[in-house]
Amino acid sequence: MTKVDFWCNRCELDQEIYSRPTQNLITIMSDGEIIGHREPEHTKMFFEGRCERCRKTLIRYITDTRQDPYFSLSRNVRRLSVAHKKDLIQYGESGFAMMYPETQKRFEKMREEENSKRVA
């Protein structure tokens, strides 16, 4: 068994739960609740766990991560993306000059030199 991060909408809780990869014929609603069966060609691999507080069945997609609700709902994912946003900022984006004033000045100087070469 593997520890997997899950998000419970009912409890609004991020949690790490032991889970096994599962392949089953189920239909999953957007909040991760099981509502019925699917045809075999739509079978997906997923992790299934139970919320530690309310015992609701929680789902994490393995083979279809684009539809995995965890990435859009989890507070931990949002917190991490905000924490690393400043590390990914690039020249020309808002906030770059404030965070990296010396580098901004160097880029502006290089840009002016390049423009003066084109004019001459």
PDB file of N, CA and C in Angstrom:
ATOM      1  N   MET A   1       0.828  -1.184   0.000  1.00  0.00           N
ATOM      2  CA  MET A   1       0.000   0.000   0.000  1.00  0.00           C
ATOM      3  C   MET A   1       0.872   1.246   0.000  1.00  0.00           C
ATOM      4  N   THR A   2       0.330   2.288  -0.598  1.00  0.00           N
ATOM      5  CA  THR A   2       1.049   3.542  -0.754  1.00  0.00           C
ATOM      6  C   THR A   2       0.272   4.659  -0.082  1.00  0.00           C
ATOM      7  N   LYS A   3       0.972   5.615   0.512  1.00  0.00           N
ATOM      8  CA  LYS A   3       0.292   6.788   1.058  1.00  0.00           C
ATOM      9  C   LYS A   3       0.033   7.753  -0.090  1.00  0.00           C
ATOM     10  N   VAL A   4      -1.221   8.180  -0.226  1.00  0.00           N
ATOM     11  CA  VAL A   4      -1.642   9.057  -1.316  1.00  0.00           C
ATOM     12  C   VAL A   4      -2.379  10.248  -0.713  1.00  0.00           C
ATOM     13  N   ASP A   5      -2.154  11.438  -1.282  1.00  0.00           N
ATOM     14  CA  ASP A   5      -2.867  12.636  -0.838  1.00  0.00           C
ATOM     15  C   ASP A   5      -4.266  12.649  -1.423  1.00  0.00           C
ATOM     16  N   PHE A   6      -5.256  12.927  -0.592  1.00  0.00           N
ATOM     17  CA  PHE A   6      -6.652  13.029  -1.006  1.00  0.00           C
ATOM     18  C   PHE A   6      -7.236  14.332  -0.475  1.00  0.00           C
ATOM     19  N   TRP A   7      -8.306  14.792  -1.119  1.00  0.00           N
ATOM     20  CA  TRP A   7      -9.070  15.953  -0.662  1.00  0.00           C
ATOM     21  C   TRP A   7     -10.514  15.519  -0.459  1.00  0.00           C
ATOM     22  N   CYS A   8     -11.089  15.848   0.683  1.00  0.00           N
ATOM     23  CA  CYS A   8     -12.498  15.547   0.957  1.00  0.00           C
ATOM     24  C   CYS A   8     -13.295  16.843   0.888  1.00  0.00           C
ATOM     25  N   ASN A   9     -14.240  16.916  -0.058  1.00  0.00           N
ATOM     26  CA  ASN A   9     -15.095  18.100  -0.188  1.00  0.00           C
ATOM     27  C   ASN A   9     -15.995  18.280   1.022  1.00  0.00           C
ATOM     28  N   ARG A  10     -16.510  17.196   1.530  1.00  0.00           N
ATOM     29  CA  ARG A  10     -17.458  17.267   2.648  1.00  0.00           C
ATOM     30  C   ARG A  10     -16.789  17.863   3.889  1.00  0.00           C
ATOM     31  N   CYS A  11     -15.587  17.412   4.206  1.00  0.00           N
ATOM     32  CA  CYS A  11     -14.874  17.879   5.401  1.00  0.00           C
ATOM     33  C   CYS A  11     -13.941  19.053   5.107  1.00  0.00           C
ATOM     34  N   GLU A  12     -13.739  19.347   3.823  1.00  0.00           N
ATOM     35  CA  GLU A  12     -12.763  20.352   3.381  1.00  0.00           C
ATOM     36  C   GLU A  12     -11.412  20.082   4.039  1.00  0.00           C
ATOM     37  N   LEU A  13     -10.918  18.867   3.803  1.00  0.00           N
ATOM     38  CA  LEU A  13      -9.726  18.396   4.495  1.00  0.00           C
ATOM     39  C   LEU A  13      -8.760  17.723   3.525  1.00  0.00           C
ATOM     40  N   ASP A  14      -7.497  18.175   3.532  1.00  0.00           N
ATOM     41  CA  ASP A  14      -6.418  17.477   2.836  1.00  0.00           C
ATOM     42  C   ASP A  14      -5.929  16.388   3.774  1.00  0.00           C
ATOM     43  N   GLN A  15      -5.727  15.190   3.243  1.00  0.00           N
ATOM     44  CA  GLN A  15      -5.268  14.098   4.094  1.00  0.00           C
ATOM     45  C   GLN A  15      -4.450  13.098   3.294  1.00  0.00           C
ATOM     46  N   GLU A  16      -3.559  12.419   3.991  1.00  0.00           N
ATOM     47  CA  GLU A  16      -2.710  11.398   3.388  1.00  0.00           C
ATOM     48  C   GLU A  16      -3.217  10.043   3.878  1.00  0.00           C
ATOM     49  N   ILE A  17      -3.663   9.200   2.924  1.00  0.00           N
ATOM     50  CA  ILE A  17      -4.317   7.940   3.273  1.00  0.00           C
ATOM     51  C   ILE A  17      -3.616   6.795   2.551  1.00  0.00           C
ATOM     52  N   TYR A  18      -3.478   5.658   3.225  1.00  0.00           N
ATOM     53  CA  TYR A  18      -2.947   4.472   2.564  1.00  0.00           C
ATOM     54  C   TYR A  18      -3.951   3.983   1.534  1.00  0.00           C
ATOM     55  N   SER A  19      -3.454   3.667   0.332  1.00  0.00           N
ATOM     56  CA  SER A  19      -4.342   3.261  -0.752  1.00  0.00           C
ATOM     57  C   SER A  19      -3.598   2.347  -1.709  1.00  0.00           C
ATOM     58  N   ARG A  20      -4.363   1.538  -2.441  1.00  0.00           N
ATOM     59  CA  ARG A  20      -3.809   0.681  -3.492  1.00  0.00           C
ATOM     60  C   ARG A  20      -4.342   1.150  -4.830  1.00  0.00           C
ATOM     61  N   PRO A  21      -3.542   0.996  -5.899  1.00  0.00           N
ATOM     62  CA  PRO A  21      -4.088   1.268  -7.232  1.00  0.00           C
ATOM     63  C   PRO A  21      -5.224   0.293  -7.517  1.00  0.00           C
ATOM     64  N   THR A  22      -6.298   0.788  -8.096  1.00  0.00           N
ATOM     65  CA  THR A  22      -7.485  -0.015  -8.367  1.00  0.00           C
ATOM     66  C   THR A  22      -7.925   0.206  -9.803  1.00  0.00           C
ATOM     67  N   GLN A  23      -8.459  -0.839 -10.406  1.00  0.00           N
ATOM     68  CA  GLN A  23      -9.063  -0.706 -11.730  1.00  0.00           C
ATOM     69  C   GLN A  23     -10.472  -1.255 -11.602  1.00  0.00           C
ATOM     70  N   ASN A  24     -11.445  -0.435 -11.933  1.00  0.00           N
ATOM     71  CA  ASN A  24     -12.819  -0.840 -11.717  1.00  0.00           C
ATOM     72  C   ASN A  24     -13.706  -0.180 -12.754  1.00  0.00           C
ATOM     73  N   LEU A  25     -14.902  -0.675 -12.900  1.00  0.00           N
ATOM     74  CA  LEU A  25     -15.870  -0.093 -13.815  1.00  0.00           C
ATOM     75  C   LEU A  25     -16.802   0.793 -13.012  1.00  0.00           C
ATOM     76  N   ILE A  26     -16.393   2.044 -12.802  1.00  0.00           N
ATOM     77  CA  ILE A  26     -17.238   2.943 -12.028  1.00  0.00           C
ATOM     78  C   ILE A  26     -17.371   4.286 -12.726  1.00  0.00           C
ATOM     79  N   THR A  27     -18.388   4.993 -12.386  1.00  0.00           N
ATOM     80  CA  THR A  27     -18.558   6.371 -12.826  1.00  0.00           C
ATOM     81  C   THR A  27     -18.262   7.244 -11.620  1.00  0.00           C
ATOM     82  N   ILE A  28     -17.527   8.306 -11.836  1.00  0.00           N
ATOM     83  CA  ILE A  28     -17.134   9.161 -10.728  1.00  0.00           C
ATOM     84  C   ILE A  28     -17.650  10.573 -10.985  1.00  0.00           C
ATOM     85  N   MET A  29     -18.377  11.143 -10.035  1.00  0.00           N
ATOM     86  CA  MET A  29     -18.840  12.522 -10.165  1.00  0.00           C
ATOM     87  C   MET A  29     -17.665  13.455  -9.949  1.00  0.00           C
ATOM     88  N   SER A  30     -17.828  14.722 -10.248  1.00  0.00           N
ATOM     89  CA  SER A  30     -16.730  15.671 -10.157  1.00  0.00           C
ATOM     90  C   SER A  30     -16.168  15.810  -8.749  1.00  0.00           C
ATOM     91  N   ASP A  31     -16.962  15.559  -7.720  1.00  0.00           N
ATOM     92  CA  ASP A  31     -16.428  15.662  -6.366  1.00  0.00           C
ATOM     93  C   ASP A  31     -15.923  14.324  -5.841  1.00  0.00           C
ATOM     94  N   GLY A  32     -15.898  13.303  -6.710  1.00  0.00           N
ATOM     95  CA  GLY A  32     -15.291  12.038  -6.343  1.00  0.00           C
ATOM     96  C   GLY A  32     -16.223  10.993  -5.764  1.00  0.00           C
ATOM     97  N   GLU A  33     -17.521  11.208  -5.784  1.00  0.00           N
ATOM     98  CA  GLU A  33     -18.453  10.219  -5.242  1.00  0.00           C
ATOM     99  C   GLU A  33     -18.823   9.199  -6.303  1.00  0.00           C
ATOM    100  N   ILE A  34     -18.867   7.926  -5.932  1.00  0.00           N
ATOM    101  CA  ILE A  34     -19.213   6.846  -6.849  1.00  0.00           C
ATOM    102  C   ILE A  34     -20.722   6.840  -7.056  1.00  0.00           C
ATOM    103  N   ILE A  35     -21.146   6.804  -8.357  1.00  0.00           N
ATOM    104  CA  ILE A  35     -22.590   6.826  -8.621  1.00  0.00           C
ATOM    105  C   ILE A  35     -23.068   5.688  -9.508  1.00  0.00           C
ATOM    106  N   GLY A  36     -22.190   4.900 -10.125  1.00  0.00           N
ATOM    107  CA  GLY A  36     -22.646   3.796 -10.961  1.00  0.00           C
ATOM    108  C   GLY A  36     -21.516   3.166 -11.751  1.00  0.00           C
ATOM    109  N   HIS A  37     -21.887   2.286 -12.719  1.00  0.00           N
ATOM    110  CA  HIS A  37     -20.898   1.537 -13.494  1.00  0.00           C
ATOM    111  C   HIS A  37     -20.658   2.146 -14.863  1.00  0.00           C
ATOM    112  N   ARG A  38     -19.496   1.823 -15.448  1.00  0.00           N
ATOM    113  CA  ARG A  38     -19.116   2.263 -16.788  1.00  0.00           C
ATOM    114  C   ARG A  38     -18.900   1.059 -17.679  1.00  0.00           C
ATOM    115  N   GLU A  39     -18.841   1.337 -18.973  1.00  0.00           N
ATOM    116  CA  GLU A  39     -18.493   0.310 -19.955  1.00  0.00           C
ATOM    117  C   GLU A  39     -17.001  -0.009 -19.829  1.00  0.00           C
ATOM    118  N   PRO A  40     -16.557  -1.224 -20.201  1.00  0.00           N
ATOM    119  CA  PRO A  40     -15.145  -1.616 -20.054  1.00  0.00           C
ATOM    120  C   PRO A  40     -14.154  -0.700 -20.763  1.00  0.00           C
ATOM    121  N   GLU A  41     -14.520  -0.126 -21.918  1.00  0.00           N
ATOM    122  CA  GLU A  41     -13.560   0.721 -22.640  1.00  0.00           C
ATOM    123  C   GLU A  41     -13.276   2.030 -21.907  1.00  0.00           C
ATOM    124  N   HIS A  42     -14.064   2.353 -20.901  1.00  0.00           N
ATOM    125  CA  HIS A  42     -13.847   3.580 -20.138  1.00  0.00           C
ATOM    126  C   HIS A  42     -13.177   3.320 -18.789  1.00  0.00           C
ATOM    127  N   THR A  43     -12.653   2.133 -18.607  1.00  0.00           N
ATOM    128  CA  THR A  43     -12.024   1.773 -17.343  1.00  0.00           C
ATOM    129  C   THR A  43     -10.790   2.639 -17.113  1.00  0.00           C
ATOM    130  N   LYS A  44     -10.625   3.115 -15.892  1.00  0.00           N
ATOM    131  CA  LYS A  44      -9.474   3.941 -15.529  1.00  0.00           C
ATOM    132  C   LYS A  44      -8.822   3.367 -14.279  1.00  0.00           C
ATOM    133  N   MET A  45      -7.531   3.629 -14.161  1.00  0.00           N
ATOM    134  CA  MET A  45      -6.816   3.262 -12.938  1.00  0.00           C
ATOM    135  C   MET A  45      -6.945   4.426 -11.958  1.00  0.00           C
ATOM    136  N   PHE A  46      -7.157   4.112 -10.691  1.00  0.00           N
ATOM    137  CA  PHE A  46      -7.304   5.161  -9.698  1.00  0.00           C
ATOM    138  C   PHE A  46      -6.908   4.644  -8.324  1.00  0.00           C
ATOM    139  N   PHE A  47      -6.647   5.592  -7.422  1.00  0.00           N
ATOM    140  CA  PHE A  47      -6.472   5.270  -6.013  1.00  0.00           C
ATOM    141  C   PHE A  47      -7.806   5.535  -5.335  1.00  0.00           C
ATOM    142  N   GLU A  48      -8.181   4.654  -4.443  1.00  0.00           N
ATOM    143  CA  GLU A  48      -9.440   4.814  -3.717  1.00  0.00           C
ATOM    144  C   GLU A  48      -9.144   4.762  -2.230  1.00  0.00           C
ATOM    145  N   GLY A  49      -9.688   5.703  -1.491  1.00  0.00           N
ATOM    146  CA  GLY A  49      -9.507   5.723  -0.051  1.00  0.00           C
ATOM    147  C   GLY A  49     -10.767   6.227   0.629  1.00  0.00           C
ATOM    148  N   ARG A  50     -10.754   6.195   1.939  1.00  0.00           N
ATOM    149  CA  ARG A  50     -11.903   6.700   2.709  1.00  0.00           C
ATOM    150  C   ARG A  50     -11.442   7.858   3.580  1.00  0.00           C
ATOM    151  N   CYS A  51     -12.261   8.906   3.601  1.00  0.00           N
ATOM    152  CA  CYS A  51     -11.968  10.057   4.450  1.00  0.00           C
ATOM    153  C   CYS A  51     -11.864   9.587   5.896  1.00  0.00           C
ATOM    154  N   GLU A  52     -10.832  10.043   6.579  1.00  0.00           N
ATOM    155  CA  GLU A  52     -10.620   9.626   7.962  1.00  0.00           C
ATOM    156  C   GLU A  52     -11.667  10.204   8.906  1.00  0.00           C
ATOM    157  N   ARG A  53     -12.301  11.283   8.503  1.00  0.00           N
ATOM    158  CA  ARG A  53     -13.289  11.920   9.372  1.00  0.00           C
ATOM    159  C   ARG A  53     -14.716  11.446   9.081  1.00  0.00           C
ATOM    160  N   CYS A  54     -15.162  11.547   7.798  1.00  0.00           N
ATOM    161  CA  CYS A  54     -16.568  11.243   7.480  1.00  0.00           C
ATOM    162  C   CYS A  54     -16.762   9.899   6.782  1.00  0.00           C
ATOM    163  N   ARG A  55     -15.673   9.207   6.439  1.00  0.00           N
ATOM    164  CA  ARG A  55     -15.692   7.878   5.800  1.00  0.00           C
ATOM    165  C   ARG A  55     -16.202   7.894   4.361  1.00  0.00           C
ATOM    166  N   LYS A  56     -16.303   9.050   3.732  1.00  0.00           N
ATOM    167  CA  LYS A  56     -16.703   9.146   2.329  1.00  0.00           C
ATOM    168  C   LYS A  56     -15.618   8.520   1.454  1.00  0.00           C
ATOM    169  N   THR A  57     -16.021   7.864   0.354  1.00  0.00           N
ATOM    170  CA  THR A  57     -15.061   7.294  -0.589  1.00  0.00           C
ATOM    171  C   THR A  57     -14.407   8.426  -1.370  1.00  0.00           C
ATOM    172  N   LEU A  58     -13.076   8.431  -1.407  1.00  0.00           N
ATOM    173  CA  LEU A  58     -12.310   9.459  -2.112  1.00  0.00           C
ATOM    174  C   LEU A  58     -11.554   8.815  -3.262  1.00  0.00           C
ATOM    175  N   ILE A  59     -11.418   9.544  -4.361  1.00  0.00           N
ATOM    176  CA  ILE A  59     -10.808   9.015  -5.582  1.00  0.00           C
ATOM    177  C   ILE A  59      -9.673   9.926  -6.035  1.00  0.00           C
ATOM    178  N   ARG A  60      -8.568   9.314  -6.499  1.00  0.00           N
ATOM    179  CA  ARG A  60      -7.475  10.009  -7.182  1.00  0.00           C
ATOM    180  C   ARG A  60      -7.198   9.246  -8.458  1.00  0.00           C
ATOM    181  N   TYR A  61      -7.286   9.901  -9.611  1.00  0.00           N
ATOM    182  CA  TYR A  61      -7.028   9.249 -10.890  1.00  0.00           C
ATOM    183  C   TYR A  61      -5.536   9.016 -11.082  1.00  0.00           C
ATOM    184  N   ILE A  62      -5.175   7.861 -11.602  1.00  0.00           N
ATOM    185  CA  ILE A  62      -3.786   7.557 -11.928  1.00  0.00           C
ATOM    186  C   ILE A  62      -3.555   7.758 -13.417  1.00  0.00           C
ATOM    187  N   THR A  63      -4.445   7.217 -14.242  1.00  0.00           N
ATOM    188  CA  THR A  63      -4.253   7.234 -15.698  1.00  0.00           C
ATOM    189  C   THR A  63      -4.849   8.465 -16.360  1.00  0.00           C
ATOM    190  N   ASP A  64      -5.626   9.258 -15.650  1.00  0.00           N
ATOM    191  CA  ASP A  64      -6.248  10.441 -16.245  1.00  0.00           C
ATOM    192  C   ASP A  64      -6.113  11.615 -15.278  1.00  0.00           C
ATOM    193  N   THR A  65      -4.886  12.092 -15.107  1.00  0.00           N
ATOM    194  CA  THR A  65      -4.630  13.129 -14.110  1.00  0.00           C
ATOM    195  C   THR A  65      -5.287  14.458 -14.454  1.00  0.00           C
ATOM    196  N   ARG A  66      -5.601  14.695 -15.714  1.00  0.00           N
ATOM    197  CA  ARG A  66      -6.283  15.947 -16.072  1.00  0.00           C
ATOM    198  C   ARG A  66      -7.653  16.049 -15.414  1.00  0.00           C
ATOM    199  N   GLN A  67      -8.295  14.918 -15.207  1.00  0.00           N
ATOM    200  CA  GLN A  67      -9.618  14.918 -14.586  1.00  0.00           C
ATOM    201  C   GLN A  67      -9.563  14.692 -13.078  1.00  0.00           C
ATOM    202  N   ASP A  68      -8.375  14.549 -12.537  1.00  0.00           N
ATOM    203  CA  ASP A  68      -8.228  14.313 -11.103  1.00  0.00           C
ATOM    204  C   ASP A  68      -8.659  15.571 -10.342  1.00  0.00           C
ATOM    205  N   PRO A  69      -9.740  15.499  -9.562  1.00  0.00           N
ATOM    206  CA  PRO A  69     -10.241  16.691  -8.873  1.00  0.00           C
ATOM    207  C   PRO A  69      -9.293  17.209  -7.791  1.00  0.00           C
ATOM    208  N   TYR A  70      -8.370  16.388  -7.340  1.00  0.00           N
ATOM    209  CA  TYR A  70      -7.459  16.791  -6.265  1.00  0.00           C
ATOM    210  C   TYR A  70      -6.695  18.063  -6.624  1.00  0.00           C
ATOM    211  N   PHE A  71      -6.227  18.173  -7.863  1.00  0.00           N
ATOM    212  CA  PHE A  71      -5.381  19.298  -8.251  1.00  0.00           C
ATOM    213  C   PHE A  71      -6.131  20.625  -8.280  1.00  0.00           C
ATOM    214  N   SER A  72      -7.431  20.591  -8.502  1.00  0.00           N
ATOM    215  CA  SER A  72      -8.192  21.842  -8.512  1.00  0.00           C
ATOM    216  C   SER A  72      -8.825  22.156  -7.157  1.00  0.00           C
ATOM    217  N   LEU A  73      -8.944  21.179  -6.276  1.00  0.00           N
ATOM    218  CA  LEU A  73      -9.637  21.387  -5.004  1.00  0.00           C
ATOM    219  C   LEU A  73      -8.714  21.500  -3.793  1.00  0.00           C
ATOM    220  N   SER A  74      -7.581  20.838  -3.817  1.00  0.00           N
ATOM    221  CA  SER A  74      -6.714  20.742  -2.642  1.00  0.00           C
ATOM    222  C   SER A  74      -6.109  22.088  -2.248  1.00  0.00           C
ATOM    223  N   ARG A  75      -6.207  22.403  -0.974  1.00  0.00           N
ATOM    224  CA  ARG A  75      -5.577  23.629  -0.466  1.00  0.00           C
ATOM    225  C   ARG A  75      -4.056  23.490  -0.458  1.00  0.00           C
ATOM    226  N   ASN A  76      -3.551  22.283  -0.227  1.00  0.00           N
ATOM    227  CA  ASN A  76      -2.098  22.061  -0.239  1.00  0.00           C
ATOM    228  C   ASN A  76      -1.508  22.361  -1.607  1.00  0.00           C
ATOM    229  N   VAL A  77      -2.179  21.935  -2.675  1.00  0.00           N
ATOM    230  CA  VAL A  77      -1.690  22.187  -4.032  1.00  0.00           C
ATOM    231  C   VAL A  77      -1.671  23.686  -4.302  1.00  0.00           C
ATOM    232  N   ARG A  78      -2.745  24.384  -3.913  1.00  0.00           N
ATOM    233  CA  ARG A  78      -2.797  25.840  -4.117  1.00  0.00           C
ATOM    234  C   ARG A  78      -1.701  26.545  -3.332  1.00  0.00           C
ATOM    235  N   ARG A  79      -1.476  26.133  -2.099  1.00  0.00           N
ATOM    236  CA  ARG A  79      -0.451  26.748  -1.262  1.00  0.00           C
ATOM    237  C   ARG A  79       0.939  26.559  -1.879  1.00  0.00           C
ATOM    238  N   LEU A  80       1.219  25.365  -2.375  1.00  0.00           N
ATOM    239  CA  LEU A  80       2.520  25.098  -2.999  1.00  0.00           C
ATOM    240  C   LEU A  80       2.708  25.892  -4.281  1.00  0.00           C
ATOM    241  N   SER A  81       1.657  26.011  -5.093  1.00  0.00           N
ATOM    242  CA  SER A  81       1.801  26.745  -6.353  1.00  0.00           C
ATOM    243  C   SER A  81       2.043  28.226  -6.092  1.00  0.00           C
ATOM    244  N   VAL A  82       1.421  28.787  -5.062  1.00  0.00           N
ATOM    245  CA  VAL A  82       1.659  30.187  -4.710  1.00  0.00           C
ATOM    246  C   VAL A  82       3.072  30.350  -4.160  1.00  0.00           C
ATOM    247  N   ALA A  83       3.520  29.397  -3.357  1.00  0.00           N
ATOM    248  CA  ALA A  83       4.854  29.477  -2.763  1.00  0.00           C
ATOM    249  C   ALA A  83       5.949  29.454  -3.821  1.00  0.00           C
ATOM    250  N   HIS A  84       5.732  28.725  -4.905  1.00  0.00           N
ATOM    251  CA  HIS A  84       6.758  28.609  -5.942  1.00  0.00           C
ATOM    252  C   HIS A  84       6.546  29.570  -7.104  1.00  0.00           C
ATOM    253  N   LYS A  85       5.476  30.340  -7.061  1.00  0.00           N
ATOM    254  CA  LYS A  85       5.186  31.264  -8.159  1.00  0.00           C
ATOM    255  C   LYS A  85       6.310  32.284  -8.341  1.00  0.00           C
ATOM    256  N   LYS A  86       6.847  32.807  -7.234  1.00  0.00           N
ATOM    257  CA  LYS A  86       7.904  33.807  -7.339  1.00  0.00           C
ATOM    258  C   LYS A  86       9.182  33.216  -7.936  1.00  0.00           C
ATOM    259  N   ASP A  87       9.388  31.913  -7.778  1.00  0.00           N
ATOM    260  CA  ASP A  87      10.573  31.275  -8.347  1.00  0.00           C
ATOM    261  C   ASP A  87      10.466  31.139  -9.863  1.00  0.00           C
ATOM    262  N   LEU A  88       9.255  31.171 -10.384  1.00  0.00           N
ATOM    263  CA  LEU A  88       9.036  30.963 -11.814  1.00  0.00           C
ATOM    264  C   LEU A  88       8.788  32.252 -12.581  1.00  0.00           C
ATOM    265  N   ILE A  89       8.773  33.404 -11.898  1.00  0.00           N
ATOM    266  CA  ILE A  89       8.504  34.672 -12.567  1.00  0.00           C
ATOM    267  C   ILE A  89       9.635  34.996 -13.540  1.00  0.00           C
ATOM    268  N   GLN A  90       9.273  35.564 -14.688  1.00  0.00           N
ATOM    269  CA  GLN A  90      10.253  35.862 -15.730  1.00  0.00           C
ATOM    270  C   GLN A  90      10.221  37.337 -16.096  1.00  0.00           C
ATOM    271  N   TYR A  91      11.294  37.771 -16.722  1.00  0.00           N
ATOM    272  CA  TYR A  91      11.389  39.158 -17.179  1.00  0.00           C
ATOM    273  C   TYR A  91      10.185  39.491 -18.057  1.00  0.00           C
ATOM    274  N   GLY A  92       9.597  40.643 -17.807  1.00  0.00           N
ATOM    275  CA  GLY A  92       8.435  41.072 -18.575  1.00  0.00           C
ATOM    276  C   GLY A  92       7.122  40.810 -17.859  1.00  0.00           C
ATOM    277  N   GLU A  93       7.130  39.920 -16.888  1.00  0.00           N
ATOM    278  CA  GLU A  93       5.909  39.645 -16.133  1.00  0.00           C
ATOM    279  C   GLU A  93       5.779  40.649 -14.991  1.00  0.00           C
ATOM    280  N   SER A  94       4.528  40.925 -14.610  1.00  0.00           N
ATOM    281  CA  SER A  94       4.322  41.877 -13.523  1.00  0.00           C
ATOM    282  C   SER A  94       4.947  41.330 -12.241  1.00  0.00           C
ATOM    283  N   GLY A  95       5.607  42.199 -11.509  1.00  0.00           N
ATOM    284  CA  GLY A  95       6.248  41.798 -10.268  1.00  0.00           C
ATOM    285  C   GLY A  95       7.732  41.495 -10.409  1.00  0.00           C
ATOM    286  N   PHE A  96       8.211  41.284 -11.646  1.00  0.00           N
ATOM    287  CA  PHE A  96       9.626  40.960 -11.843  1.00  0.00           C
ATOM    288  C   PHE A  96      10.515  42.116 -11.389  1.00  0.00           C
ATOM    289  N   ALA A  97      10.166  43.352 -11.796  1.00  0.00           N
ATOM    290  CA  ALA A  97      10.982  44.522 -11.451  1.00  0.00           C
ATOM    291  C   ALA A  97      11.026  44.737  -9.943  1.00  0.00           C
ATOM    292  N   MET A  98       9.942  44.446  -9.262  1.00  0.00           N
ATOM    293  CA  MET A  98       9.899  44.627  -7.815  1.00  0.00           C
ATOM    294  C   MET A  98      10.751  43.572  -7.101  1.00  0.00           C
ATOM    295  N   MET A  99      10.713  42.344  -7.583  1.00  0.00           N
ATOM    296  CA  MET A  99      11.438  41.268  -6.915  1.00  0.00           C
ATOM    297  C   MET A  99      12.914  41.223  -7.296  1.00  0.00           C
ATOM    298  N   TYR A 100      13.221  41.608  -8.517  1.00  0.00           N
ATOM    299  CA  TYR A 100      14.600  41.538  -9.016  1.00  0.00           C
ATOM    300  C   TYR A 100      14.995  42.868  -9.653  1.00  0.00           C
ATOM    301  N   PRO A 101      15.143  43.952  -8.872  1.00  0.00           N
ATOM    302  CA  PRO A 101      15.412  45.274  -9.449  1.00  0.00           C
ATOM    303  C   PRO A 101      16.747  45.359 -10.199  1.00  0.00           C
ATOM    304  N   GLU A 102      17.784  44.724  -9.685  1.00  0.00           N
ATOM    305  CA  GLU A 102      19.095  44.776 -10.357  1.00  0.00           C
ATOM    306  C   GLU A 102      19.047  44.058 -11.702  1.00  0.00           C
ATOM    307  N   THR A 103      18.438  42.904 -11.725  1.00  0.00           N
ATOM    308  CA  THR A 103      18.314  42.154 -12.976  1.00  0.00           C
ATOM    309  C   THR A 103      17.449  42.918 -13.961  1.00  0.00           C
ATOM    310  N   GLN A 104      16.385  43.560 -13.479  1.00  0.00           N
ATOM    311  CA  GLN A 104      15.523  44.375 -14.340  1.00  0.00           C
ATOM    312  C   GLN A 104      16.335  45.490 -14.989  1.00  0.00           C
ATOM    313  N   LYS A 105      17.198  46.164 -14.216  1.00  0.00           N
ATOM    314  CA  LYS A 105      18.033  47.247 -14.754  1.00  0.00           C
ATOM    315  C   LYS A 105      18.976  46.716 -15.827  1.00  0.00           C
ATOM    316  N   ARG A 106      19.577  45.546 -15.574  1.00  0.00           N
ATOM    317  CA  ARG A 106      20.477  44.954 -16.572  1.00  0.00           C
ATOM    318  C   ARG A 106      19.747  44.641 -17.869  1.00  0.00           C
ATOM    319  N   PHE A 107      18.553  44.045 -17.753  1.00  0.00           N
ATOM    320  CA  PHE A 107      17.768  43.727 -18.949  1.00  0.00           C
ATOM    321  C   PHE A 107      17.379  44.988 -19.710  1.00  0.00           C
ATOM    322  N   GLU A 108      16.994  46.040 -18.983  1.00  0.00           N
ATOM    323  CA  GLU A 108      16.622  47.297 -19.638  1.00  0.00           C
ATOM    324  C   GLU A 108      17.826  47.901 -20.360  1.00  0.00           C
ATOM    325  N   LYS A 109      18.993  47.834 -19.733  1.00  0.00           N
ATOM    326  CA  LYS A 109      20.210  48.364 -20.360  1.00  0.00           C
ATOM    327  C   LYS A 109      20.538  47.572 -21.625  1.00  0.00           C
ATOM    328  N   MET A 110      20.431  46.246 -21.556  1.00  0.00           N
ATOM    329  CA  MET A 110      20.688  45.410 -22.733  1.00  0.00           C
ATOM    330  C   MET A 110      19.687  45.722 -23.842  1.00  0.00           C
ATOM    331  N   ARG A 111      18.442  45.936 -23.479  1.00  0.00           N
ATOM    332  CA  ARG A 111      17.407  46.256 -24.463  1.00  0.00           C
ATOM    333  C   ARG A 111      17.700  47.597 -25.148  1.00  0.00           C
ATOM    334  N   GLU A 112      18.107  48.606 -24.358  1.00  0.00           N
ATOM    335  CA  GLU A 112      18.448  49.917 -24.924  1.00  0.00           C
ATOM    336  C   GLU A 112      19.641  49.809 -25.870  1.00  0.00           C
ATOM    337  N   GLU A 113      20.666  49.051 -25.487  1.00  0.00           N
ATOM    338  CA  GLU A 113      21.835  48.863 -26.352  1.00  0.00           C
ATOM    339  C   GLU A 113      21.441  48.181 -27.657  1.00  0.00           C
ATOM    340  N   GLU A 114      20.586  47.194 -27.575  1.00  0.00           N
ATOM    341  CA  GLU A 114      20.114  46.482 -28.770  1.00  0.00           C
ATOM    342  C   GLU A 114      19.324  47.418 -29.680  1.00  0.00           C
ATOM    343  N   ASN A 115      18.482  48.248 -29.098  1.00  0.00           N
ATOM    344  CA  ASN A 115      17.701  49.205 -29.892  1.00  0.00           C
ATOM    345  C   ASN A 115      18.594  50.251 -30.545  1.00  0.00           C
ATOM    346  N   SER A 116      19.631  50.715 -29.828  1.00  0.00           N
ATOM    347  CA  SER A 116      20.530  51.719 -30.408  1.00  0.00           C
ATOM    348  C   SER A 116      21.346  51.122 -31.555  1.00  0.00           C
ATOM    349  N   LYS A 117      21.675  49.836 -31.494  1.00  0.00           N
ATOM    350  CA  LYS A 117      22.380  49.174 -32.597  1.00  0.00           C
ATOM    351  C   LYS A 117      21.494  49.097 -33.831  1.00  0.00           C
ATOM    352  N   ARG A 118      20.222  48.838 -33.639  1.00  0.00           N
ATOM    353  CA  ARG A 118      19.290  48.744 -34.770  1.00  0.00           C
ATOM    354  C   ARG A 118      19.091  50.095 -35.442  1.00  0.00           C
ATOM    355  N   VAL A 119      19.062  51.166 -34.654  1.00  0.00           N
ATOM    356  CA  VAL A 119      18.854  52.510 -35.192  1.00  0.00           C
ATOM    357  C   VAL A 119      20.090  52.960 -35.968  1.00  0.00           C
ATOM    358  N   ALA A 120      21.266  52.634 -35.484  1.00  0.00           N
ATOM    359  CA  ALA A 120      22.514  53.097 -36.114  1.00  0.00           C
ATOM    360  C   ALA A 120      22.849  52.368 -37.378  1.00  0.00           C
TER     361      ALA A 120
END
